[in-house]
């Protein structure tokens, strides 16, 4: 019976053709809709807001770390409240990646040079997963930059130069696969050494971003002199053309020996570093001395000018030093000389207190010279009656208790009897005037510097105020002493 049925079905061409057509239609339907997902397969559906679709269309792949995890179901436009328009991409993802963290980011990437795109999904670190039908906001979408946009920033001459460079580099790398493989094999040790360097560069303390911004500002500053710099390179070409004649062997040897020199610097750098650090501290400490040396350098130079003739005469001095030393030794061994020196020392100790008080009277006030001058002036002028010191007398004011007659006390006032009558009959006496001696205050030369008008009352002792320390006929040396 079964054989009859099979024979009947196979015997009917119409039935076989109909079944074949149905299978073909189903296969075409499935293949047509394969880009939108296979039917009856459960998926994890989410959405993502994009600043721009960037030619992303339905059916494009969704990848995580380069692995296909789903597809783009559809792409629609959405207008925001501020008037901007954005794209909303609906995705169907495999259930194996559910749930996607809420802080995940998306980026439209280029899959091929023909313009095919895919959506790159980068999972975040949030513990909260995105629910089915949830949407990743626009703030978590990165702005895509396509290769054609990147190349459009170059002008036509630059693009042609890039094409030429690629062609030349292609020729340079051709048939050098073994060398490239060897380079790749030698890279791991280099990368291990470069890892701490990369960490330093990526550290916030390094501020590589600020360094790049600084370079950008520097480039902006030198932009106006770009033509001058270009001319400098033209001149350098002339310079290097001249150097080409001596490139061998001198410059070639310097390049060859440069690598050992650099290696020696790397080996010895840690050893030299403490010395350089100590030298820097020494230079910092030496800076005040260097400034002082700069100020005193003229004095030192003048001392050399004076010292050279003195040194030339020093042999004659050396010849006289030996007999002088012998004479000093005999002088020191003499008992009589020692007794005389002891007596001189005792005399100096006795006179020191007196000289300490008397010396300023001459050194500052010049009183001894003034005394001798006045004595000479009083005894030298004369007339027919004799010298002036013998003929001229000074009479005091006549009045109550005047010094010119009997009195009961010192002159304390009272009108004079000699016209015109004045009230000047007062005693003014200063037996111990200030002579700028130690312990006297203020430091002044009172004798000879009294004011012309004395007060109309008795005045005994020092005159109020400072009368100054300048007197007549002081020498230049005394004036320098006075101003100290």
Protein backbone atom coordinates (compact mmCIF):
# COMPACT_ATOMS: atom_id res chain seq x y z
CA UNK A 1 0.00 0.00 0.00
CA UNK A 2 2.83 2.38 0.90
CA UNK A 3 4.55 1.49 -2.27
CA UNK A 4 1.46 2.37 -4.19
CA UNK A 5 1.27 5.80 -2.43
CA UNK A 6 4.91 6.59 -3.13
CA UNK A 7 4.50 5.54 -6.63
CA UNK A 8 1.42 7.63 -6.99
CA UNK A 9 3.13 10.84 -5.62
CA UNK A 10 6.19 10.37 -7.77
CA UNK A 11 4.03 9.55 -10.66
CA UNK A 12 2.27 12.91 -10.46
CA UNK A 13 4.51 15.63 -12.01
CA UNK A 14 2.09 18.36 -11.06
CA UNK A 15 2.26 17.51 -7.35
CA UNK A 16 6.06 17.31 -7.35
CA UNK A 17 6.30 20.69 -9.10
CA UNK A 18 3.88 22.30 -6.65
CA UNK A 19 5.85 21.05 -3.64
CA UNK A 20 9.11 22.29 -5.18
CA UNK A 21 7.62 25.73 -5.79
CA UNK A 22 6.37 25.98 -2.20
CA UNK A 23 9.86 25.07 -0.86
CA UNK A 24 11.49 27.64 -3.16
CA UNK A 25 9.06 30.39 -2.09
CA UNK A 26 9.67 29.61 1.59
CA UNK A 27 13.46 29.67 1.06
CA UNK A 28 13.27 32.99 -0.79
CA UNK A 29 11.08 34.45 1.96
CA UNK A 30 13.45 33.33 4.68
CA UNK A 31 16.51 34.60 2.80
CA UNK A 32 14.84 37.94 2.10
CA UNK A 33 13.94 38.45 5.75
CA UNK A 34 17.22 37.07 7.11
CA UNK A 35 18.58 40.65 7.44
CA UNK A 36 15.70 41.44 9.79
CA UNK A 37 16.21 38.37 11.96
CA UNK A 38 15.23 34.78 11.70
CA UNK A 39 11.61 34.00 12.57
CA UNK A 40 10.74 32.17 15.78
CA UNK A 41 14.15 33.16 17.34
CA UNK A 42 13.78 35.17 20.62
CA UNK A 43 15.73 38.49 20.70
CA UNK A 44 16.60 41.26 23.19
CA UNK A 45 15.24 44.53 21.73
CA UNK A 46 16.62 47.96 22.74
CA UNK A 47 17.01 51.41 21.15
CA UNK A 48 19.78 53.98 20.91
CA UNK A 49 19.61 57.69 20.15
CA UNK A 50 22.29 58.85 17.70
CA UNK A 51 23.34 62.44 16.78
CA UNK A 52 23.41 61.26 13.17
CA UNK A 53 22.51 58.00 11.49
CA UNK A 54 25.70 58.34 9.40
CA UNK A 55 24.24 56.18 6.60
CA UNK A 56 23.25 53.42 9.06
CA UNK A 57 20.35 51.35 7.65
CA UNK A 58 18.22 48.46 8.76
CA UNK A 59 20.05 45.16 8.51
CA UNK A 60 23.44 46.52 9.56
CA UNK A 61 25.23 44.50 12.19
CA UNK A 62 25.54 45.34 15.88
CA UNK A 63 28.90 44.34 17.33
CA UNK A 64 30.50 44.16 20.76
CA UNK A 65 34.31 44.00 20.72
CA UNK A 66 34.16 43.04 17.04
CA UNK A 67 31.74 40.12 17.61
CA UNK A 68 28.31 40.21 15.94
CA UNK A 69 25.63 40.18 18.65
CA UNK A 70 22.60 41.40 16.70
CA UNK A 71 21.35 43.63 13.96
CA UNK A 72 19.73 47.00 13.40
CA UNK A 73 15.98 46.52 13.00
CA UNK A 74 15.12 50.01 11.78
CA UNK A 75 16.36 53.59 11.84
CA UNK A 76 13.92 56.47 12.36
CA UNK A 77 14.23 60.24 12.78
CA UNK A 78 13.16 62.07 15.94
CA UNK A 79 12.78 65.82 16.49
CA UNK A 80 13.68 67.15 19.93
CA UNK A 81 12.03 70.01 21.79
CA UNK A 82 14.90 72.37 20.92
CA UNK A 83 14.32 71.83 17.20
CA UNK A 84 17.21 69.48 16.57
CA UNK A 85 16.72 66.17 14.78
CA UNK A 86 18.39 62.97 15.83
CA UNK A 87 18.27 59.33 14.69
CA UNK A 88 16.82 56.45 16.74
CA UNK A 89 18.20 52.99 15.92
CA UNK A 90 16.15 49.97 17.01
CA UNK A 91 18.27 46.86 17.65
CA UNK A 92 17.59 43.17 17.99
CA UNK A 93 20.29 41.55 20.07
CA UNK A 94 21.01 37.98 21.05
CA UNK A 95 19.61 36.92 24.40
CA UNK A 96 23.15 35.97 25.46
CA UNK A 97 24.10 39.66 25.96
CA UNK A 98 20.98 40.56 27.95
CA UNK A 99 21.00 42.84 29.88
CA UNK A 100 23.21 45.62 28.52
CA UNK A 101 24.47 48.04 31.30
CA UNK A 102 22.65 51.36 31.36
CA UNK A 103 25.89 53.37 30.87
CA UNK A 104 26.83 51.58 27.65
CA UNK A 105 27.87 53.69 24.66
CA UNK A 106 27.22 53.34 20.91
CA UNK A 107 29.14 54.47 17.85
CA UNK A 108 28.51 54.08 14.13
CA UNK A 109 31.64 52.63 12.55
CA UNK A 110 32.64 52.00 8.95
CA UNK A 111 32.83 48.34 7.99
CA UNK A 112 34.37 48.65 4.54
CA UNK A 113 35.67 51.23 2.12
CA UNK A 114 32.44 50.83 0.12
CA UNK A 115 30.44 52.61 2.81
CA UNK A 116 29.00 49.65 4.70
CA UNK A 117 28.41 50.53 8.36
CA UNK A 118 27.85 48.73 11.62
CA UNK A 119 26.84 49.82 15.12
CA UNK A 120 29.55 49.37 17.77
CA UNK A 121 28.11 48.75 21.23
CA UNK A 122 30.51 49.21 24.17
CA UNK A 123 29.11 47.81 27.46
CA UNK A 124 29.52 50.05 30.48
CA UNK A 125 30.29 49.23 34.11
CA UNK A 126 26.89 49.94 35.67
CA UNK A 127 25.19 47.26 37.77
CA UNK A 128 21.81 48.30 36.37
CA UNK A 129 20.82 46.64 33.12
CA UNK A 130 18.76 48.18 30.34
CA UNK A 131 15.26 46.76 30.22
CA UNK A 132 13.68 45.32 27.08
CA UNK A 133 12.59 48.25 24.90
CA UNK A 134 14.82 50.65 26.82
CA UNK A 135 16.71 53.47 25.10
CA UNK A 136 20.31 54.58 25.38
CA UNK A 137 20.25 58.43 25.43
CA UNK A 138 22.03 60.65 22.93
CA UNK A 139 24.58 61.67 25.60
CA UNK A 140 25.97 58.10 25.47
CA UNK A 141 26.42 58.13 21.69
CA UNK A 142 29.74 59.21 20.17
CA UNK A 143 29.91 61.34 17.03
CA UNK A 144 31.20 59.18 14.16
CA UNK A 145 33.96 60.41 11.84
CA UNK A 146 34.16 58.54 8.52
CA UNK A 147 37.32 58.09 6.53
CA UNK A 148 36.01 60.26 3.73
CA UNK A 149 35.30 63.06 6.21
CA UNK A 150 38.76 62.65 7.71
CA UNK A 151 40.45 62.81 4.29
CA UNK A 152 38.32 65.83 3.28
CA UNK A 153 40.12 67.96 5.85
CA UNK A 154 43.22 67.78 3.61
CA UNK A 155 43.51 69.95 0.54
CA UNK A 156 43.97 68.43 -2.90
CA UNK A 157 47.79 68.80 -2.99
CA UNK A 158 48.03 67.14 0.41
CA UNK A 159 45.81 64.26 -0.68
CA UNK A 160 47.97 63.73 -3.73
CA UNK A 161 51.06 63.73 -1.53
CA UNK A 162 49.42 61.17 0.76
CA UNK A 163 48.68 58.96 -2.23
CA UNK A 164 52.28 59.22 -3.35
CA UNK A 165 53.51 58.40 0.16
CA UNK A 166 51.28 55.33 0.32
CA UNK A 167 52.59 54.17 -3.03
CA UNK A 168 56.20 54.69 -1.93
CA UNK A 169 55.63 53.02 1.44
CA UNK A 170 53.95 50.11 -0.33
CA UNK A 171 57.05 49.66 -2.46
CA UNK A 172 59.24 49.93 0.63
CA UNK A 173 57.35 47.18 2.48
CA UNK A 174 57.04 44.90 -0.53
CA UNK A 175 58.96 41.60 -0.20
CA UNK A 176 59.96 42.45 3.34
CA UNK A 177 57.53 40.23 5.17
CA UNK A 178 60.29 38.31 6.99
CA UNK A 179 61.81 41.51 8.30
CA UNK A 180 58.41 42.76 9.45
CA UNK A 181 57.79 39.42 11.20
CA UNK A 182 61.13 39.77 12.99
CA UNK A 183 60.20 43.29 14.08
CA UNK A 184 56.90 42.03 15.44
CA UNK A 185 58.77 39.29 17.30
CA UNK A 186 61.10 41.86 18.88
CA UNK A 187 58.25 44.17 19.91
CA UNK A 188 57.10 42.40 23.15
CA UNK A 189 60.28 43.27 25.14
CA UNK A 190 60.02 46.83 23.90
CA UNK A 191 56.35 47.04 24.81
CA UNK A 192 57.07 45.74 28.31
CA UNK A 193 59.60 48.54 28.75
CA UNK A 194 57.20 51.03 27.19
CA UNK A 195 54.36 50.15 29.58
CA UNK A 196 55.59 52.33 32.50
CA UNK A 197 56.35 55.10 30.02
CA UNK A 198 52.80 54.90 28.68
CA UNK A 199 51.43 54.99 32.24
CA UNK A 200 53.42 58.15 32.93
CA UNK A 201 52.17 59.74 29.74
CA UNK A 202 48.54 58.84 30.52
CA UNK A 203 48.78 60.11 34.12
CA UNK A 204 46.96 63.31 35.00
CA UNK A 205 50.14 64.58 36.64
CA UNK A 206 51.94 64.43 33.27
CA UNK A 207 49.26 66.65 31.68
CA UNK A 208 49.96 65.42 28.16
CA UNK A 209 46.80 67.21 27.05
CA UNK A 210 48.20 70.51 28.29
CA UNK A 211 51.46 69.69 26.48
CA UNK A 212 49.58 69.12 23.21
CA UNK A 213 47.60 72.33 23.72
CA UNK A 214 50.89 74.13 24.34
CA UNK A 215 52.29 72.74 21.08
CA UNK A 216 49.15 73.90 19.30
CA UNK A 217 49.58 77.39 20.70
CA UNK A 218 53.25 77.36 19.75
CA UNK A 219 52.32 76.28 16.21
CA UNK A 220 49.76 79.11 16.05
CA UNK A 221 52.45 81.57 17.12
CA UNK A 222 54.95 80.45 14.46
CA UNK A 223 52.33 80.29 11.71
CA UNK A 224 52.95 83.92 10.61
CA UNK A 225 56.63 83.10 10.02
CA UNK A 226 55.94 79.91 8.10
CA UNK A 227 57.42 81.36 4.90
CA UNK A 228 60.56 82.36 6.77
CA UNK A 229 60.85 78.83 8.16
CA UNK A 230 60.34 77.38 4.68
CA UNK A 231 63.14 79.59 3.39
CA UNK A 232 65.27 78.32 6.30
CA UNK A 233 64.77 74.75 5.08
CA UNK A 234 65.81 75.83 1.58
CA UNK A 235 68.98 77.29 3.06
CA UNK A 236 69.49 74.11 5.08
CA UNK A 237 69.45 72.17 1.85
CA UNK A 238 72.38 74.29 0.67
CA UNK A 239 74.13 73.70 4.00
CA UNK A 240 73.63 69.94 3.90
CA UNK A 241 74.81 69.86 0.30
CA UNK A 242 78.07 71.38 1.52
CA UNK A 243 78.20 68.94 4.43
CA UNK A 244 77.75 66.02 2.06
CA UNK A 245 81.39 66.43 1.04
CA UNK A 246 82.52 65.68 4.60
CA UNK A 247 79.78 63.18 5.41
CA UNK A 248 82.30 60.39 5.07
CA UNK A 249 83.98 59.55 7.27
CA UNK A 250 83.46 62.30 9.87
CA UNK A 251 79.67 62.69 10.09
CA UNK A 252 79.21 58.97 9.39
CA UNK A 253 81.52 58.13 12.30
CA UNK A 254 79.64 60.53 14.58
CA UNK A 255 76.37 58.76 13.75
CA UNK A 256 77.95 55.32 14.19
CA UNK A 257 79.43 56.24 17.55
CA UNK A 258 76.21 57.95 18.64
CA UNK A 259 74.53 54.69 19.67
CA UNK A 260 77.36 53.56 22.03
CA UNK A 261 77.49 57.07 23.45
CA UNK A 262 73.75 57.02 24.11
CA UNK A 263 73.98 53.58 25.74
CA UNK A 264 76.84 54.80 27.94
CA UNK A 265 74.71 57.80 28.94
CA UNK A 266 71.81 55.49 29.84
CA UNK A 267 74.10 53.30 31.96
CA UNK A 268 75.87 56.16 33.70
CA UNK A 269 72.88 58.50 34.01
CA UNK A 270 71.70 57.12 37.39
CA UNK A 271 75.25 57.42 38.72
CA UNK A 272 75.66 60.98 37.45
CA UNK A 273 72.26 62.10 38.76
CA UNK A 274 73.39 62.54 42.44
CA UNK A 275 76.37 64.56 41.22
CA UNK A 276 74.14 66.78 39.09
CA UNK A 277 71.70 67.21 41.99
CA UNK A 278 74.54 68.17 44.34
CA UNK A 279 75.97 70.53 41.70
CA UNK A 280 72.58 72.22 41.36
CA UNK A 281 72.40 72.73 45.14
CA UNK A 282 75.98 74.06 45.15
CA UNK A 283 75.22 76.52 42.35
CA UNK A 284 72.12 77.70 44.21
CA UNK A 285 74.16 78.24 47.38
CA UNK A 286 76.97 79.87 45.37
CA UNK A 287 74.60 82.39 43.73
CA UNK A 288 74.79 85.04 46.51
CA UNK A 289 78.59 84.73 46.53
CA UNK A 290 78.68 85.11 42.75
CA UNK A 291 76.59 88.28 42.99
CA UNK A 292 78.91 89.64 45.68
CA UNK A 293 81.92 88.67 43.55
CA UNK A 294 80.44 90.63 40.66
CA UNK A 295 80.22 93.73 42.85
CA UNK A 296 83.72 93.26 44.32
CA UNK A 297 85.40 92.25 41.05
CA UNK A 298 86.59 95.84 40.29
CA UNK A 299 88.15 96.05 43.75
CA UNK A 300 89.85 92.68 43.28
CA UNK A 301 91.09 93.76 39.87
CA UNK A 302 92.52 96.98 41.30
CA UNK A 303 94.20 94.97 44.08
CA UNK A 304 95.95 92.90 41.41
CA UNK A 305 97.08 96.11 39.69
CA UNK A 306 98.52 97.33 42.98
CA UNK A 307 99.80 93.94 44.08
CA UNK A 308 101.86 93.13 40.99
CA UNK A 309 104.41 95.96 41.56
CA UNK A 310 104.46 95.10 45.26
CA UNK A 311 105.23 91.46 44.50
CA UNK A 312 108.01 92.54 42.16
CA UNK A 313 109.54 94.53 45.03
CA UNK A 314 108.98 91.73 47.56
CA UNK A 315 112.45 90.11 47.02
CA UNK A 316 114.08 93.30 48.30
CA UNK A 317 111.70 93.20 51.28
CA UNK A 318 112.61 89.56 51.93
CA UNK A 319 116.32 90.50 51.94
CA UNK A 320 115.67 93.10 54.66
CA UNK A 321 113.37 90.90 56.75
CA UNK A 322 116.17 88.67 58.08
CA UNK A 323 118.31 91.48 59.63
CA UNK A 324 115.11 93.22 60.80
CA UNK A 325 113.98 90.03 62.53
CA UNK A 326 117.38 89.65 64.18
CA UNK A 327 117.23 93.24 65.41
CA UNK A 328 113.70 92.68 66.77
CA UNK A 329 114.90 89.54 68.54
CA UNK A 330 117.82 91.41 70.17
CA UNK A 331 115.40 94.20 71.08
CA UNK A 332 113.02 91.70 72.67
CA UNK A 333 115.82 89.96 74.59
CA UNK A 334 117.02 93.25 76.13
CA UNK A 335 115.94 93.58 79.80
CA UNK A 336 116.12 97.37 79.66
CA UNK A 337 113.78 97.50 76.66
CA UNK A 338 111.29 95.20 78.38
CA UNK A 339 111.28 97.44 81.49
CA UNK A 340 110.74 100.47 79.27
CA UNK A 341 107.83 98.76 77.48
CA UNK A 342 106.29 97.82 80.83
CA UNK A 343 106.59 101.43 81.99
CA UNK A 344 105.07 102.60 78.69
CA UNK A 345 102.18 100.16 79.10
CA UNK A 346 101.59 101.41 82.67
CA UNK A 347 101.73 105.01 81.49
CA UNK A 348 99.22 104.19 78.73
CA UNK A 349 96.86 102.56 81.22
CA UNK A 350 97.06 105.70 83.44
CA UNK A 351 96.57 108.11 80.54
CA UNK A 352 93.85 106.09 78.78
CA UNK A 353 90.89 107.47 80.87
CA UNK A 354 92.20 111.02 80.46
CA UNK A 355 92.88 110.65 76.75
CA UNK A 356 89.46 109.04 76.23
CA UNK A 357 87.88 112.26 77.55
CA UNK A 358 90.36 114.77 76.10
CA UNK A 359 90.91 113.24 72.64
CA UNK A 360 87.39 114.07 71.29
CA UNK A 361 87.94 117.72 72.33
CA UNK A 362 90.66 117.89 69.66
CA UNK A 363 89.65 115.17 67.15
CA UNK A 364 86.03 116.35 66.97
CA UNK A 365 85.88 119.93 68.29
CA UNK A 366 89.44 121.08 67.33
CA UNK A 367 89.74 123.02 70.64
CA UNK A 368 93.55 122.78 70.96
CA UNK A 369 94.08 124.33 67.53
CA UNK A 370 91.53 127.06 68.31
CA UNK A 371 93.25 127.78 71.69
CA UNK A 372 96.67 128.15 70.09
CA UNK A 373 95.21 130.33 67.33
CA UNK A 374 93.48 132.62 69.84
CA UNK A 375 96.65 132.90 71.97
CA UNK A 376 98.64 133.86 68.90
CA UNK A 377 95.96 136.34 67.85
CA UNK A 378 95.82 137.91 71.32
CA UNK A 379 99.58 138.38 71.65
CA UNK A 380 100.59 139.37 68.14
CA UNK A 381 98.41 142.46 67.16
CA UNK A 382 99.44 145.66 68.96
CA UNK A 383 99.51 149.43 68.74
CA UNK A 384 101.50 152.25 70.42
CA UNK A 385 100.06 151.45 73.84
CA UNK A 386 101.02 147.77 73.75
CA UNK A 387 99.53 144.39 72.84
CA UNK A 388 95.74 144.16 72.70
CA UNK A 389 95.52 141.54 75.37
CA UNK A 390 97.03 144.06 77.79
CA UNK A 391 94.97 147.10 76.78
CA UNK A 392 91.43 145.81 76.33
CA UNK A 393 89.28 144.95 79.35
CA UNK A 394 85.77 143.50 79.42
CA UNK A 395 83.39 145.11 81.89
CA UNK A 396 80.28 143.28 83.12
CA UNK A 397 76.83 144.83 83.09
CA UNK A 398 76.13 147.09 86.00
CA UNK A 399 73.03 146.19 87.97
CA UNK A 400 71.65 144.35 90.96
CA UNK A 401 74.19 141.77 92.25
CA UNK A 402 76.41 142.63 89.31
CA UNK A 403 79.89 141.14 89.11
CA UNK A 404 81.30 144.66 88.79
CA UNK A 405 80.61 145.47 92.47
CA UNK A 406 79.61 144.04 95.85
CA UNK A 407 76.74 141.55 95.64
CA UNK A 408 74.77 139.34 97.99
CA UNK A 409 74.18 136.54 95.46
CA UNK A 410 74.71 135.76 91.82
CA UNK A 411 73.31 138.14 89.20
CA UNK A 412 69.59 137.47 88.95
CA UNK A 413 68.46 140.40 86.81
CA UNK A 414 67.93 144.11 87.19
CA UNK A 415 68.21 146.95 84.76
CA UNK A 416 71.54 148.18 83.70
CA UNK A 417 72.63 151.74 84.41
CA UNK A 418 74.51 152.22 81.17
CA UNK A 419 72.11 153.52 78.49
CA UNK A 420 70.31 152.04 76.84
CA UNK A 421 68.99 150.25 79.94
CA UNK A 422 68.59 146.51 79.28
CA UNK A 423 67.53 143.63 81.42
CA UNK A 424 70.67 141.54 80.72
CA UNK A 425 72.19 141.32 84.18
CA UNK A 426 71.96 137.52 84.54
CA UNK A 427 74.61 134.96 85.45
CA UNK A 428 75.40 132.59 82.57
CA UNK A 429 78.04 130.01 83.50
CA UNK A 430 78.94 126.64 81.95
CA UNK A 431 82.03 125.34 83.81
CA UNK A 432 81.94 121.85 82.22
CA UNK A 433 80.80 122.23 78.62
CA UNK A 434 80.18 119.17 76.43
CA UNK A 435 83.16 118.33 74.20
CA UNK A 436 81.80 115.19 72.41
CA UNK A 437 83.50 113.04 75.08
CA UNK A 438 82.24 109.50 75.89
CA UNK A 439 79.27 109.50 78.30
CA UNK A 440 78.23 113.08 77.45
CA UNK A 441 74.77 113.56 75.98
CA UNK A 442 74.09 115.04 73.56
CA UNK A 443 77.25 114.66 71.45
CA UNK A 444 78.13 118.33 70.83
CA UNK A 445 80.86 121.00 71.01
CA UNK A 446 79.30 123.64 73.28
CA UNK A 447 82.31 125.97 73.80
CA UNK A 448 82.38 128.48 70.98
CA UNK A 449 78.93 127.47 69.69
CA UNK A 450 76.81 129.24 72.35
CA UNK A 451 73.83 131.13 70.91
CA UNK A 452 74.20 134.91 70.58
CA UNK A 453 71.09 135.63 72.63
CA UNK A 454 71.08 133.90 76.03
CA UNK A 455 67.85 133.61 78.03
CA UNK A 456 66.86 136.47 80.36
CA UNK A 457 67.31 134.30 83.40
CA UNK A 458 70.24 132.67 85.22
CA UNK A 459 71.75 129.78 83.24
CA UNK A 460 74.21 127.49 85.03
CA UNK A 461 75.44 124.32 83.31
CA UNK A 462 74.92 122.97 79.79
CA UNK A 463 72.91 124.98 77.31
CA UNK A 464 69.61 123.31 76.28
CA UNK A 465 69.57 121.70 72.86
CA UNK A 466 72.34 120.37 70.61
CA UNK A 467 74.85 123.00 69.53
CA UNK A 468 76.42 120.76 66.87
CA UNK A 469 79.94 119.39 66.48
CA UNK A 470 81.29 121.68 63.76
CA UNK A 471 83.86 124.31 64.78
CA UNK A 472 86.31 126.51 62.92
CA UNK A 473 89.42 125.33 61.07
CA UNK A 474 88.57 121.62 61.23
CA UNK A 475 90.73 119.54 58.89
CA UNK A 476 89.30 117.20 56.25
CA UNK A 477 90.20 114.18 58.39
CA UNK A 478 88.41 115.77 61.38
CA UNK A 479 85.33 116.45 59.26
CA UNK A 480 85.23 112.79 58.19
CA UNK A 481 85.57 111.77 61.85
CA UNK A 482 82.80 114.20 62.83
CA UNK A 483 80.35 112.76 60.30
CA UNK A 484 80.84 109.15 61.49
